[in-house]
Amino acid sequence: MRRPEQALQIACVNWFAYQYAHQTGRLYMNYNNPPNAQTGGILKAMGLSAGIADLSYLIDGGRIVFIELKSAAGKQSANQKAFEQRVTELGAPYHIVRDIYEFMGLINSYNP
């Protein structure tokens, strides 16, 4: 399990919920780690795609920001790199965040 990244995601989501309560529903997780192969197969048939960023953030102007959470030593998988390339080629921002302070700065940067 990715415990450090899970803990980071929980901290980020909790901070966002407190700091930006008026934006409820604009930050959401992308469920991309099924618990087993059977569930993974079902979810893949329903549209699950490997490498999707951990969080999506809807910003003004109908844009979306993708946020990948990594531990200090965490590295992107090949699927994550491919996803980053696809979305950035389309003009969507993609960020790798390694701690809560990076996350706070990132979210605040989209909310001047």
PDB file of N, CA and C in Angstrom:
ATOM      1  N   MET A   1       0.836  -1.196   0.000  1.00  0.00           N
ATOM      2  CA  MET A   1       0.000   0.000   0.000  1.00  0.00           C
ATOM      3  C   MET A   1       0.876   1.254   0.000  1.00  0.00           C
ATOM      4  N   ARG A   2       0.312   2.319  -0.472  1.00  0.00           N
ATOM      5  CA  ARG A   2       1.029   3.586  -0.584  1.00  0.00           C
ATOM      6  C   ARG A   2       0.697   4.469   0.606  1.00  0.00           C
ATOM      7  N   ARG A   3       0.997   4.029   1.789  1.00  0.00           N
ATOM      8  CA  ARG A   3       0.603   4.754   2.999  1.00  0.00           C
ATOM      9  C   ARG A   3       1.064   6.206   3.051  1.00  0.00           C
ATOM     10  N   PRO A   4       2.338   6.534   2.754  1.00  0.00           N
ATOM     11  CA  PRO A   4       2.730   7.954   2.820  1.00  0.00           C
ATOM     12  C   PRO A   4       1.922   8.813   1.842  1.00  0.00           C
ATOM     13  N   GLU A   5       1.660   8.284   0.654  1.00  0.00           N
ATOM     14  CA  GLU A   5       0.882   9.045  -0.325  1.00  0.00           C
ATOM     15  C   GLU A   5      -0.595   9.122   0.085  1.00  0.00           C
ATOM     16  N   GLN A   6      -1.091   8.077   0.696  1.00  0.00           N
ATOM     17  CA  GLN A   6      -2.470   8.113   1.196  1.00  0.00           C
ATOM     18  C   GLN A   6      -2.601   9.155   2.297  1.00  0.00           C
ATOM     19  N   ALA A   7      -1.648   9.179   3.210  1.00  0.00           N
ATOM     20  CA  ALA A   7      -1.678  10.160   4.297  1.00  0.00           C
ATOM     21  C   ALA A   7      -1.589  11.575   3.736  1.00  0.00           C
ATOM     22  N   LEU A   8      -0.744  11.773   2.726  1.00  0.00           N
ATOM     23  CA  LEU A   8      -0.633  13.086   2.090  1.00  0.00           C
ATOM     24  C   LEU A   8      -1.950  13.477   1.433  1.00  0.00           C
ATOM     25  N   GLN A   9      -2.571  12.535   0.744  1.00  0.00           N
ATOM     26  CA  GLN A   9      -3.840  12.842   0.079  1.00  0.00           C
ATOM     27  C   GLN A   9      -4.917  13.208   1.095  1.00  0.00           C
ATOM     28  N   ILE A  10      -4.994  12.488   2.170  1.00  0.00           N
ATOM     29  CA  ILE A  10      -5.977  12.799   3.217  1.00  0.00           C
ATOM     30  C   ILE A  10      -5.722  14.194   3.785  1.00  0.00           C
ATOM     31  N   ALA A  11      -4.459  14.510   4.070  1.00  0.00           N
ATOM     32  CA  ALA A  11      -4.125  15.838   4.604  1.00  0.00           C
ATOM     33  C   ALA A  11      -4.505  16.933   3.614  1.00  0.00           C
ATOM     34  N   CYS A  12      -4.215  16.722   2.333  1.00  0.00           N
ATOM     35  CA  CYS A  12      -4.521  17.725   1.314  1.00  0.00           C
ATOM     36  C   CYS A  12      -6.029  17.936   1.178  1.00  0.00           C
ATOM     37  N   VAL A  13      -6.756  16.852   1.111  1.00  0.00           N
ATOM     38  CA  VAL A  13      -8.216  16.947   0.950  1.00  0.00           C
ATOM     39  C   VAL A  13      -8.840  17.602   2.189  1.00  0.00           C
ATOM     40  N   ASN A  14      -8.371  17.249   3.368  1.00  0.00           N
ATOM     41  CA  ASN A  14      -8.904  17.857   4.595  1.00  0.00           C
ATOM     42  C   ASN A  14      -8.605  19.350   4.651  1.00  0.00           C
ATOM     43  N   TRP A  15      -7.374  19.728   4.303  1.00  0.00           N
ATOM     44  CA  TRP A  15      -7.028  21.159   4.287  1.00  0.00           C
ATOM     45  C   TRP A  15      -7.906  21.908   3.293  1.00  0.00           C
ATOM     46  N   PHE A  16      -8.070  21.352   2.103  1.00  0.00           N
ATOM     47  CA  PHE A  16      -8.895  21.995   1.084  1.00  0.00           C
ATOM     48  C   PHE A  16     -10.330  22.155   1.576  1.00  0.00           C
ATOM     49  N   ALA A  17     -10.881  21.114   2.184  1.00  0.00           N
ATOM     50  CA  ALA A  17     -12.261  21.165   2.669  1.00  0.00           C
ATOM     51  C   ALA A  17     -12.441  22.261   3.711  1.00  0.00           C
ATOM     52  N   TYR A  18     -11.450  22.487   4.524  1.00  0.00           N
ATOM     53  CA  TYR A  18     -11.506  23.534   5.547  1.00  0.00           C
ATOM     54  C   TYR A  18     -11.271  24.913   4.937  1.00  0.00           C
ATOM     55  N   GLN A  19     -10.195  25.029   4.142  1.00  0.00           N
ATOM     56  CA  GLN A  19      -9.787  26.324   3.615  1.00  0.00           C
ATOM     57  C   GLN A  19     -10.694  26.830   2.499  1.00  0.00           C
ATOM     58  N   TYR A  20     -11.224  25.932   1.710  1.00  0.00           N
ATOM     59  CA  TYR A  20     -12.024  26.302   0.541  1.00  0.00           C
ATOM     60  C   TYR A  20     -13.393  25.608   0.579  1.00  0.00           C
ATOM     61  N   ALA A  21     -14.040  25.682   1.722  1.00  0.00           N
ATOM     62  CA  ALA A  21     -15.346  25.036   1.888  1.00  0.00           C
ATOM     63  C   ALA A  21     -16.352  25.500   0.835  1.00  0.00           C
ATOM     64  N   HIS A  22     -16.205  26.732   0.391  1.00  0.00           N
ATOM     65  CA  HIS A  22     -17.120  27.271  -0.626  1.00  0.00           C
ATOM     66  C   HIS A  22     -16.900  26.635  -2.001  1.00  0.00           C
ATOM     67  N   GLN A  23     -15.843  25.821  -2.134  1.00  0.00           N
ATOM     68  CA  GLN A  23     -15.571  25.141  -3.402  1.00  0.00           C
ATOM     69  C   GLN A  23     -15.832  23.632  -3.314  1.00  0.00           C
ATOM     70  N   THR A  24     -16.716  23.246  -2.455  1.00  0.00           N
ATOM     71  CA  THR A  24     -17.035  21.836  -2.290  1.00  0.00           C
ATOM     72  C   THR A  24     -17.358  21.201  -3.647  1.00  0.00           C
ATOM     73  N   GLY A  25     -16.766  20.058  -3.908  1.00  0.00           N
ATOM     74  CA  GLY A  25     -17.017  19.326  -5.146  1.00  0.00           C
ATOM     75  C   GLY A  25     -16.062  19.673  -6.278  1.00  0.00           C
ATOM     76  N   ARG A  26     -15.230  20.685  -6.088  1.00  0.00           N
ATOM     77  CA  ARG A  26     -14.300  21.074  -7.157  1.00  0.00           C
ATOM     78  C   ARG A  26     -12.963  20.355  -7.084  1.00  0.00           C
ATOM     79  N   LEU A  27     -12.652  19.773  -5.946  1.00  0.00           N
ATOM     80  CA  LEU A  27     -11.462  18.925  -5.806  1.00  0.00           C
ATOM     81  C   LEU A  27     -11.969  17.517  -5.532  1.00  0.00           C
ATOM     82  N   TYR A  28     -11.528  16.589  -6.359  1.00  0.00           N
ATOM     83  CA  TYR A  28     -12.001  15.220  -6.135  1.00  0.00           C
ATOM     84  C   TYR A  28     -10.915  14.220  -6.517  1.00  0.00           C
ATOM     85  N   MET A  29     -11.013  13.062  -5.889  1.00  0.00           N
ATOM     86  CA  MET A  29     -10.044  12.004  -6.166  1.00  0.00           C
ATOM     87  C   MET A  29     -10.475  11.200  -7.382  1.00  0.00           C
ATOM     88  N   ASN A  30      -9.488  10.681  -8.064  1.00  0.00           N
ATOM     89  CA  ASN A  30      -9.718   9.761  -9.166  1.00  0.00           C
ATOM     90  C   ASN A  30      -9.369   8.373  -8.650  1.00  0.00           C
ATOM     91  N   TYR A  31     -10.345   7.517  -8.577  1.00  0.00           N
ATOM     92  CA  TYR A  31     -10.148   6.184  -8.023  1.00  0.00           C
ATOM     93  C   TYR A  31      -9.381   5.342  -9.030  1.00  0.00           C
ATOM     94  N   ASN A  32      -8.090   5.159  -8.780  1.00  0.00           N
ATOM     95  CA  ASN A  32      -7.282   4.449  -9.754  1.00  0.00           C
ATOM     96  C   ASN A  32      -6.432   3.326  -9.164  1.00  0.00           C
ATOM     97  N   ASN A  33      -6.800   2.866  -7.984  1.00  0.00           N
ATOM     98  CA  ASN A  33      -6.066   1.769  -7.350  1.00  0.00           C
ATOM     99  C   ASN A  33      -7.039   0.717  -6.823  1.00  0.00           C
ATOM    100  N   PRO A  34      -7.625  -0.078  -7.720  1.00  0.00           N
ATOM    101  CA  PRO A  34      -8.599  -1.071  -7.261  1.00  0.00           C
ATOM    102  C   PRO A  34      -7.962  -2.086  -6.310  1.00  0.00           C
ATOM    103  N   PRO A  35      -8.758  -2.620  -5.401  1.00  0.00           N
ATOM    104  CA  PRO A  35      -8.216  -3.507  -4.376  1.00  0.00           C
ATOM    105  C   PRO A  35      -7.814  -4.893  -4.876  1.00  0.00           C
ATOM    106  N   ASN A  36      -8.349  -5.305  -6.027  1.00  0.00           N
ATOM    107  CA  ASN A  36      -8.014  -6.643  -6.540  1.00  0.00           C
ATOM    108  C   ASN A  36      -8.264  -6.694  -8.046  1.00  0.00           C
ATOM    109  N   ALA A  37      -7.815  -7.768  -8.667  1.00  0.00           N
ATOM    110  CA  ALA A  37      -7.905  -7.903 -10.124  1.00  0.00           C
ATOM    111  C   ALA A  37      -9.344  -7.953 -10.615  1.00  0.00           C
ATOM    112  N   GLN A  38     -10.215  -8.603  -9.871  1.00  0.00           N
ATOM    113  CA  GLN A  38     -11.619  -8.701 -10.298  1.00  0.00           C
ATOM    114  C   GLN A  38     -12.257  -7.313 -10.339  1.00  0.00           C
ATOM    115  N   THR A  39     -12.095  -6.556  -9.270  1.00  0.00           N
ATOM    116  CA  THR A  39     -12.628  -5.189  -9.242  1.00  0.00           C
ATOM    117  C   THR A  39     -11.951  -4.340 -10.311  1.00  0.00           C
ATOM    118  N   GLY A  40     -10.643  -4.533 -10.484  1.00  0.00           N
ATOM    119  CA  GLY A  40      -9.913  -3.805 -11.513  1.00  0.00           C
ATOM    120  C   GLY A  40     -10.463  -4.076 -12.898  1.00  0.00           C
ATOM    121  N   GLY A  41     -10.799  -5.315 -13.179  1.00  0.00           N
ATOM    122  CA  GLY A  41     -11.378  -5.675 -14.479  1.00  0.00           C
ATOM    123  C   GLY A  41     -12.723  -5.011 -14.708  1.00  0.00           C
ATOM    124  N   ILE A  42     -13.548  -5.007 -13.683  1.00  0.00           N
ATOM    125  CA  ILE A  42     -14.856  -4.357 -13.787  1.00  0.00           C
ATOM    126  C   ILE A  42     -14.683  -2.856 -14.006  1.00  0.00           C
ATOM    127  N   LEU A  43     -13.817  -2.242 -13.200  1.00  0.00           N
ATOM    128  CA  LEU A  43     -13.603  -0.799 -13.318  1.00  0.00           C
ATOM    129  C   LEU A  43     -12.987  -0.433 -14.667  1.00  0.00           C
ATOM    130  N   LYS A  44     -12.094  -1.272 -15.180  1.00  0.00           N
ATOM    131  CA  LYS A  44     -11.508  -1.007 -16.492  1.00  0.00           C
ATOM    132  C   LYS A  44     -12.595  -1.030 -17.566  1.00  0.00           C
ATOM    133  N   ALA A  45     -13.512  -1.965 -17.478  1.00  0.00           N
ATOM    134  CA  ALA A  45     -14.626  -2.022 -18.424  1.00  0.00           C
ATOM    135  C   ALA A  45     -15.530  -0.796 -18.305  1.00  0.00           C
ATOM    136  N   MET A  46     -15.525  -0.186 -17.117  1.00  0.00           N
ATOM    137  CA  MET A  46     -16.336   1.012 -16.877  1.00  0.00           C
ATOM    138  C   MET A  46     -15.590   2.302 -17.211  1.00  0.00           C
ATOM    139  N   GLY A  47     -14.318   2.198 -17.637  1.00  0.00           N
ATOM    140  CA  GLY A  47     -13.577   3.382 -18.043  1.00  0.00           C
ATOM    141  C   GLY A  47     -12.338   3.709 -17.237  1.00  0.00           C
ATOM    142  N   LEU A  48     -11.995   2.886 -16.261  1.00  0.00           N
ATOM    143  CA  LEU A  48     -10.772   3.114 -15.491  1.00  0.00           C
ATOM    144  C   LEU A  48      -9.579   3.096 -16.432  1.00  0.00           C
ATOM    145  N   SER A  49      -8.668   4.029 -16.244  1.00  0.00           N
ATOM    146  CA  SER A  49      -7.484   4.123 -17.084  1.00  0.00           C
ATOM    147  C   SER A  49      -6.262   4.259 -16.194  1.00  0.00           C
ATOM    148  N   ALA A  50      -5.262   3.455 -16.435  1.00  0.00           N
ATOM    149  CA  ALA A  50      -4.045   3.475 -15.627  1.00  0.00           C
ATOM    150  C   ALA A  50      -3.317   4.801 -15.790  1.00  0.00           C
ATOM    151  N   GLY A  51      -2.756   5.286 -14.697  1.00  0.00           N
ATOM    152  CA  GLY A  51      -1.916   6.470 -14.742  1.00  0.00           C
ATOM    153  C   GLY A  51      -2.606   7.787 -14.469  1.00  0.00           C
ATOM    154  N   ILE A  52      -3.916   7.777 -14.306  1.00  0.00           N
ATOM    155  CA  ILE A  52      -4.662   9.002 -14.051  1.00  0.00           C
ATOM    156  C   ILE A  52      -4.151   9.645 -12.765  1.00  0.00           C
ATOM    157  N   ALA A  53      -4.085  10.966 -12.745  1.00  0.00           N
ATOM    158  CA  ALA A  53      -3.618  11.691 -11.559  1.00  0.00           C
ATOM    159  C   ALA A  53      -4.513  11.396 -10.360  1.00  0.00           C
ATOM    160  N   ASP A  54      -3.954  11.524  -9.172  1.00  0.00           N
ATOM    161  CA  ASP A  54      -4.693  11.228  -7.949  1.00  0.00           C
ATOM    162  C   ASP A  54      -5.877  12.159  -7.725  1.00  0.00           C
ATOM    163  N   LEU A  55      -5.673  13.448  -7.996  1.00  0.00           N
ATOM    164  CA  LEU A  55      -6.718  14.441  -7.752  1.00  0.00           C
ATOM    165  C   LEU A  55      -6.959  15.282  -8.996  1.00  0.00           C
ATOM    166  N   SER A  56      -8.185  15.707  -9.147  1.00  0.00           N
ATOM    167  CA  SER A  56      -8.555  16.676 -10.172  1.00  0.00           C
ATOM    168  C   SER A  56      -9.159  17.874  -9.461  1.00  0.00           C
ATOM    169  N   TYR A  57      -8.838  19.066  -9.970  1.00  0.00           N
ATOM    170  CA  TYR A  57      -9.325  20.308  -9.374  1.00  0.00           C
ATOM    171  C   TYR A  57      -9.940  21.157 -10.475  1.00  0.00           C
ATOM    172  N   LEU A  58     -11.220  21.439 -10.345  1.00  0.00           N
ATOM    173  CA  LEU A  58     -11.932  22.264 -11.313  1.00  0.00           C
ATOM    174  C   LEU A  58     -11.731  23.725 -10.963  1.00  0.00           C
ATOM    175  N   ILE A  59     -11.190  24.475 -11.920  1.00  0.00           N
ATOM    176  CA  ILE A  59     -10.923  25.890 -11.677  1.00  0.00           C
ATOM    177  C   ILE A  59     -11.811  26.744 -12.572  1.00  0.00           C
ATOM    178  N   ASP A  60     -11.814  28.030 -12.285  1.00  0.00           N
ATOM    179  CA  ASP A  60     -12.642  28.955 -13.044  1.00  0.00           C
ATOM    180  C   ASP A  60     -12.320  28.862 -14.535  1.00  0.00           C
ATOM    181  N   GLY A  61     -13.318  29.171 -15.342  1.00  0.00           N
ATOM    182  CA  GLY A  61     -13.148  29.127 -16.784  1.00  0.00           C
ATOM    183  C   GLY A  61     -13.357  27.745 -17.371  1.00  0.00           C
ATOM    184  N   GLY A  62     -13.867  26.827 -16.561  1.00  0.00           N
ATOM    185  CA  GLY A  62     -14.132  25.481 -17.060  1.00  0.00           C
ATOM    186  C   GLY A  62     -12.888  24.639 -17.276  1.00  0.00           C
ATOM    187  N   ARG A  63     -11.793  24.996 -16.612  1.00  0.00           N
ATOM    188  CA  ARG A  63     -10.538  24.256 -16.761  1.00  0.00           C
ATOM    189  C   ARG A  63     -10.370  23.252 -15.627  1.00  0.00           C
ATOM    190  N   ILE A  64      -9.472  22.313 -15.858  1.00  0.00           N
ATOM    191  CA  ILE A  64      -9.187  21.291 -14.862  1.00  0.00           C
ATOM    192  C   ILE A  64      -7.682  21.209 -14.640  1.00  0.00           C
ATOM    193  N   VAL A  65      -7.312  21.006 -13.402  1.00  0.00           N
ATOM    194  CA  VAL A  65      -5.914  20.840 -13.007  1.00  0.00           C
ATOM    195  C   VAL A  65      -5.766  19.417 -12.480  1.00  0.00           C
ATOM    196  N   PHE A  66      -4.724  18.739 -12.926  1.00  0.00           N
ATOM    197  CA  PHE A  66      -4.460  17.383 -12.455  1.00  0.00           C
ATOM    198  C   PHE A  66      -3.315  17.423 -11.449  1.00  0.00           C
ATOM    199  N   ILE A  67      -3.494  16.713 -10.334  1.00  0.00           N
ATOM    200  CA  ILE A  67      -2.516  16.722  -9.247  1.00  0.00           C
ATOM    201  C   ILE A  67      -2.145  15.280  -8.907  1.00  0.00           C
ATOM    202  N   GLU A  68      -0.885  14.971  -9.068  1.00  0.00           N
ATOM    203  CA  GLU A  68      -0.351  13.658  -8.707  1.00  0.00           C
ATOM    204  C   GLU A  68       0.388  13.807  -7.387  1.00  0.00           C
ATOM    205  N   LEU A  69       0.045  12.997  -6.416  1.00  0.00           N
ATOM    206  CA  LEU A  69       0.666  13.046  -5.097  1.00  0.00           C
ATOM    207  C   LEU A  69       1.740  11.961  -4.999  1.00  0.00           C
ATOM    208  N   LYS A  70       2.918  12.372  -4.573  1.00  0.00           N
ATOM    209  CA  LYS A  70       4.031  11.444  -4.434  1.00  0.00           C
ATOM    210  C   LYS A  70       4.733  11.681  -3.106  1.00  0.00           C
ATOM    211  N   SER A  71       5.252  10.613  -2.532  1.00  0.00           N
ATOM    212  CA  SER A  71       6.088  10.755  -1.341  1.00  0.00           C
ATOM    213  C   SER A  71       7.401  11.413  -1.762  1.00  0.00           C
ATOM    214  N   ALA A  72       8.221  11.748  -0.806  1.00  0.00           N
ATOM    215  CA  ALA A  72       9.484  12.425  -1.108  1.00  0.00           C
ATOM    216  C   ALA A  72      10.321  11.635  -2.102  1.00  0.00           C
ATOM    217  N   ALA A  73      10.305  10.318  -2.013  1.00  0.00           N
ATOM    218  CA  ALA A  73      11.117   9.482  -2.900  1.00  0.00           C
ATOM    219  C   ALA A  73      10.299   8.855  -4.025  1.00  0.00           C
ATOM    220  N   GLY A  74       8.999   9.130  -4.066  1.00  0.00           N
ATOM    221  CA  GLY A  74       8.132   8.496  -5.048  1.00  0.00           C
ATOM    222  C   GLY A  74       8.438   8.921  -6.479  1.00  0.00           C
ATOM    223  N   LYS A  75       8.258   7.997  -7.401  1.00  0.00           N
ATOM    224  CA  LYS A  75       8.493   8.262  -8.823  1.00  0.00           C
ATOM    225  C   LYS A  75       7.245   7.916  -9.620  1.00  0.00           C
ATOM    226  N   GLN A  76       7.043   8.633 -10.707  1.00  0.00           N
ATOM    227  CA  GLN A  76       5.921   8.348 -11.588  1.00  0.00           C
ATOM    228  C   GLN A  76       6.138   7.020 -12.313  1.00  0.00           C
ATOM    229  N   SER A  77       5.046   6.309 -12.504  1.00  0.00           N
ATOM    230  CA  SER A  77       5.094   5.107 -13.329  1.00  0.00           C
ATOM    231  C   SER A  77       5.077   5.522 -14.798  1.00  0.00           C
ATOM    232  N   ALA A  78       5.334   4.583 -15.673  1.00  0.00           N
ATOM    233  CA  ALA A  78       5.273   4.862 -17.113  1.00  0.00           C
ATOM    234  C   ALA A  78       3.880   5.336 -17.505  1.00  0.00           C
ATOM    235  N   ASN A  79       2.836   4.726 -16.931  1.00  0.00           N
ATOM    236  CA  ASN A  79       1.459   5.140 -17.236  1.00  0.00           C
ATOM    237  C   ASN A  79       1.189   6.560 -16.753  1.00  0.00           C
ATOM    238  N   GLN A  80       1.726   6.922 -15.602  1.00  0.00           N
ATOM    239  CA  GLN A  80       1.536   8.283 -15.084  1.00  0.00           C
ATOM    240  C   GLN A  80       2.243   9.307 -15.967  1.00  0.00           C
ATOM    241  N   LYS A  81       3.435   8.975 -16.432  1.00  0.00           N
ATOM    242  CA  LYS A  81       4.156   9.871 -17.340  1.00  0.00           C
ATOM    243  C   LYS A  81       3.389  10.042 -18.649  1.00  0.00           C
ATOM    244  N   ALA A  82       2.834   8.958 -19.153  1.00  0.00           N
ATOM    245  CA  ALA A  82       2.056   9.034 -20.395  1.00  0.00           C
ATOM    246  C   ALA A  82       0.817   9.897 -20.202  1.00  0.00           C
ATOM    247  N   PHE A  83       0.137   9.748 -19.058  1.00  0.00           N
ATOM    248  CA  PHE A  83      -1.036  10.578 -18.775  1.00  0.00           C
ATOM    249  C   PHE A  83      -0.638  12.040 -18.695  1.00  0.00           C
ATOM    250  N   GLU A  84       0.454  12.338 -17.995  1.00  0.00           N
ATOM    251  CA  GLU A  84       0.925  13.716 -17.894  1.00  0.00           C
ATOM    252  C   GLU A  84       1.174  14.302 -19.284  1.00  0.00           C
ATOM    253  N   GLN A  85       1.811  13.543 -20.140  1.00  0.00           N
ATOM    254  CA  GLN A  85       2.096  14.029 -21.486  1.00  0.00           C
ATOM    255  C   GLN A  85       0.807  14.307 -22.262  1.00  0.00           C
ATOM    256  N   ARG A  86      -0.164  13.381 -22.168  1.00  0.00           N
ATOM    257  CA  ARG A  86      -1.441  13.577 -22.878  1.00  0.00           C
ATOM    258  C   ARG A  86      -2.137  14.850 -22.432  1.00  0.00           C
ATOM    259  N   VAL A  87      -2.256  15.053 -21.136  1.00  0.00           N
ATOM    260  CA  VAL A  87      -3.028  16.207 -20.663  1.00  0.00           C
ATOM    261  C   VAL A  87      -2.293  17.520 -20.875  1.00  0.00           C
ATOM    262  N   THR A  88      -0.972  17.515 -20.721  1.00  0.00           N
ATOM    263  CA  THR A  88      -0.246  18.768 -20.936  1.00  0.00           C
ATOM    264  C   THR A  88      -0.227  19.144 -22.415  1.00  0.00           C
ATOM    265  N   GLU A  89      -0.196  18.165 -23.308  1.00  0.00           N
ATOM    266  CA  GLU A  89      -0.302  18.455 -24.742  1.00  0.00           C
ATOM    267  C   GLU A  89      -1.645  19.095 -25.080  1.00  0.00           C
ATOM    268  N   LEU A  90      -2.656  18.777 -24.303  1.00  0.00           N
ATOM    269  CA  LEU A  90      -3.984  19.368 -24.491  1.00  0.00           C
ATOM    270  C   LEU A  90      -4.130  20.703 -23.764  1.00  0.00           C
ATOM    271  N   GLY A  91      -3.111  21.099 -23.033  1.00  0.00           N
ATOM    272  CA  GLY A  91      -3.121  22.392 -22.363  1.00  0.00           C
ATOM    273  C   GLY A  91      -3.593  22.380 -20.924  1.00  0.00           C
ATOM    274  N   ALA A  92      -3.815  21.196 -20.356  1.00  0.00           N
ATOM    275  CA  ALA A  92      -4.252  21.111 -18.960  1.00  0.00           C
ATOM    276  C   ALA A  92      -3.041  21.122 -18.032  1.00  0.00           C
ATOM    277  N   PRO A  93      -3.102  21.884 -16.949  1.00  0.00           N
ATOM    278  CA  PRO A  93      -1.999  21.873 -15.984  1.00  0.00           C
ATOM    279  C   PRO A  93      -1.911  20.528 -15.256  1.00  0.00           C
ATOM    280  N   TYR A  94      -0.696  20.082 -15.019  1.00  0.00           N
ATOM    281  CA  TYR A  94      -0.421  18.836 -14.308  1.00  0.00           C
ATOM    282  C   TYR A  94       0.685  19.133 -13.306  1.00  0.00           C
ATOM    283  N   HIS A  95       0.470  18.771 -12.066  1.00  0.00           N
ATOM    284  CA  HIS A  95       1.446  19.059 -11.016  1.00  0.00           C
ATOM    285  C   HIS A  95       1.728  17.804 -10.200  1.00  0.00           C
ATOM    286  N   ILE A  96       2.985  17.638  -9.842  1.00  0.00           N
ATOM    287  CA  ILE A  96       3.367  16.602  -8.884  1.00  0.00           C
ATOM    288  C   ILE A  96       3.601  17.309  -7.561  1.00  0.00           C
ATOM    289  N   VAL A  97       2.913  16.852  -6.530  1.00  0.00           N
ATOM    290  CA  VAL A  97       2.977  17.456  -5.197  1.00  0.00           C
ATOM    291  C   VAL A  97       3.550  16.432  -4.228  1.00  0.00           C
ATOM    292  N   ARG A  98       4.537  16.867  -3.438  1.00  0.00           N
ATOM    293  CA  ARG A  98       5.216  15.950  -2.523  1.00  0.00           C
ATOM    294  C   ARG A  98       4.965  16.224  -1.050  1.00  0.00           C
ATOM    295  N   ASP A  99       4.341  17.349  -0.732  1.00  0.00           N
ATOM    296  CA  ASP A  99       4.002  17.597   0.666  1.00  0.00           C
ATOM    297  C   ASP A  99       2.828  18.567   0.751  1.00  0.00           C
ATOM    298  N   ILE A 100       2.283  18.692   1.925  1.00  0.00           N
ATOM    299  CA  ILE A 100       1.085  19.512   2.139  1.00  0.00           C
ATOM    300  C   ILE A 100       1.346  20.982   1.804  1.00  0.00           C
ATOM    301  N   TYR A 101       2.555  21.447   2.057  1.00  0.00           N
ATOM    302  CA  TYR A 101       2.863  22.857   1.793  1.00  0.00           C
ATOM    303  C   TYR A 101       2.894  23.155   0.293  1.00  0.00           C
ATOM    304  N   GLU A 102       3.408  22.224  -0.489  1.00  0.00           N
ATOM    305  CA  GLU A 102       3.341  22.371  -1.949  1.00  0.00           C
ATOM    306  C   GLU A 102       1.894  22.423  -2.401  1.00  0.00           C
ATOM    307  N   PHE A 103       1.065  21.552  -1.818  1.00  0.00           N
ATOM    308  CA  PHE A 103      -0.343  21.518  -2.176  1.00  0.00           C
ATOM    309  C   PHE A 103      -1.028  22.838  -1.827  1.00  0.00           C
ATOM    310  N   MET A 104      -0.775  23.339  -0.641  1.00  0.00           N
ATOM    311  CA  MET A 104      -1.375  24.616  -0.237  1.00  0.00           C
ATOM    312  C   MET A 104      -0.976  25.729  -1.207  1.00  0.00           C
ATOM    313  N   GLY A 105       0.303  25.808  -1.528  1.00  0.00           N
ATOM    314  CA  GLY A 105       0.772  26.837  -2.449  1.00  0.00           C
ATOM    315  C   GLY A 105       0.143  26.698  -3.828  1.00  0.00           C
ATOM    316  N   LEU A 106       0.020  25.468  -4.284  1.00  0.00           N
ATOM    317  CA  LEU A 106      -0.582  25.221  -5.591  1.00  0.00           C
ATOM    318  C   LEU A 106      -2.035  25.670  -5.619  1.00  0.00           C
ATOM    319  N   ILE A 107      -2.814  25.229  -4.655  1.00  0.00           N
ATOM    320  CA  ILE A 107      -4.239  25.587  -4.619  1.00  0.00           C
ATOM    321  C   ILE A 107      -4.391  27.097  -4.448  1.00  0.00           C
ATOM    322  N   ASN A 108      -3.600  27.684  -3.569  1.00  0.00           N
ATOM    323  CA  ASN A 108      -3.675  29.135  -3.375  1.00  0.00           C
ATOM    324  C   ASN A 108      -3.312  29.883  -4.652  1.00  0.00           C
ATOM    325  N   SER A 109      -2.414  29.331  -5.459  1.00  0.00           N
ATOM    326  CA  SER A 109      -2.015  30.007  -6.692  1.00  0.00           C
ATOM    327  C   SER A 109      -3.168  30.086  -7.697  1.00  0.00           C
ATOM    328  N   TYR A 110      -4.098  29.184  -7.593  1.00  0.00           N
ATOM    329  CA  TYR A 110      -5.277  29.206  -8.466  1.00  0.00           C
ATOM    330  C   TYR A 110      -6.415  30.017  -7.868  1.00  0.00           C
ATOM    331  N   ASN A 111      -6.194  30.564  -6.693  1.00  0.00           N
ATOM    332  CA  ASN A 111      -7.211  31.350  -5.986  1.00  0.00           C
ATOM    333  C   ASN A 111      -6.599  32.657  -5.474  1.00  0.00           C
ATOM    334  N   PRO A 112      -6.274  33.559  -6.379  1.00  0.00           N
ATOM    335  CA  PRO A 112      -5.620  34.816  -5.954  1.00  0.00           C
ATOM    336  C   PRO A 112      -6.511  35.681  -5.084  1.00  0.00           C
TER     337      PRO A 112
END
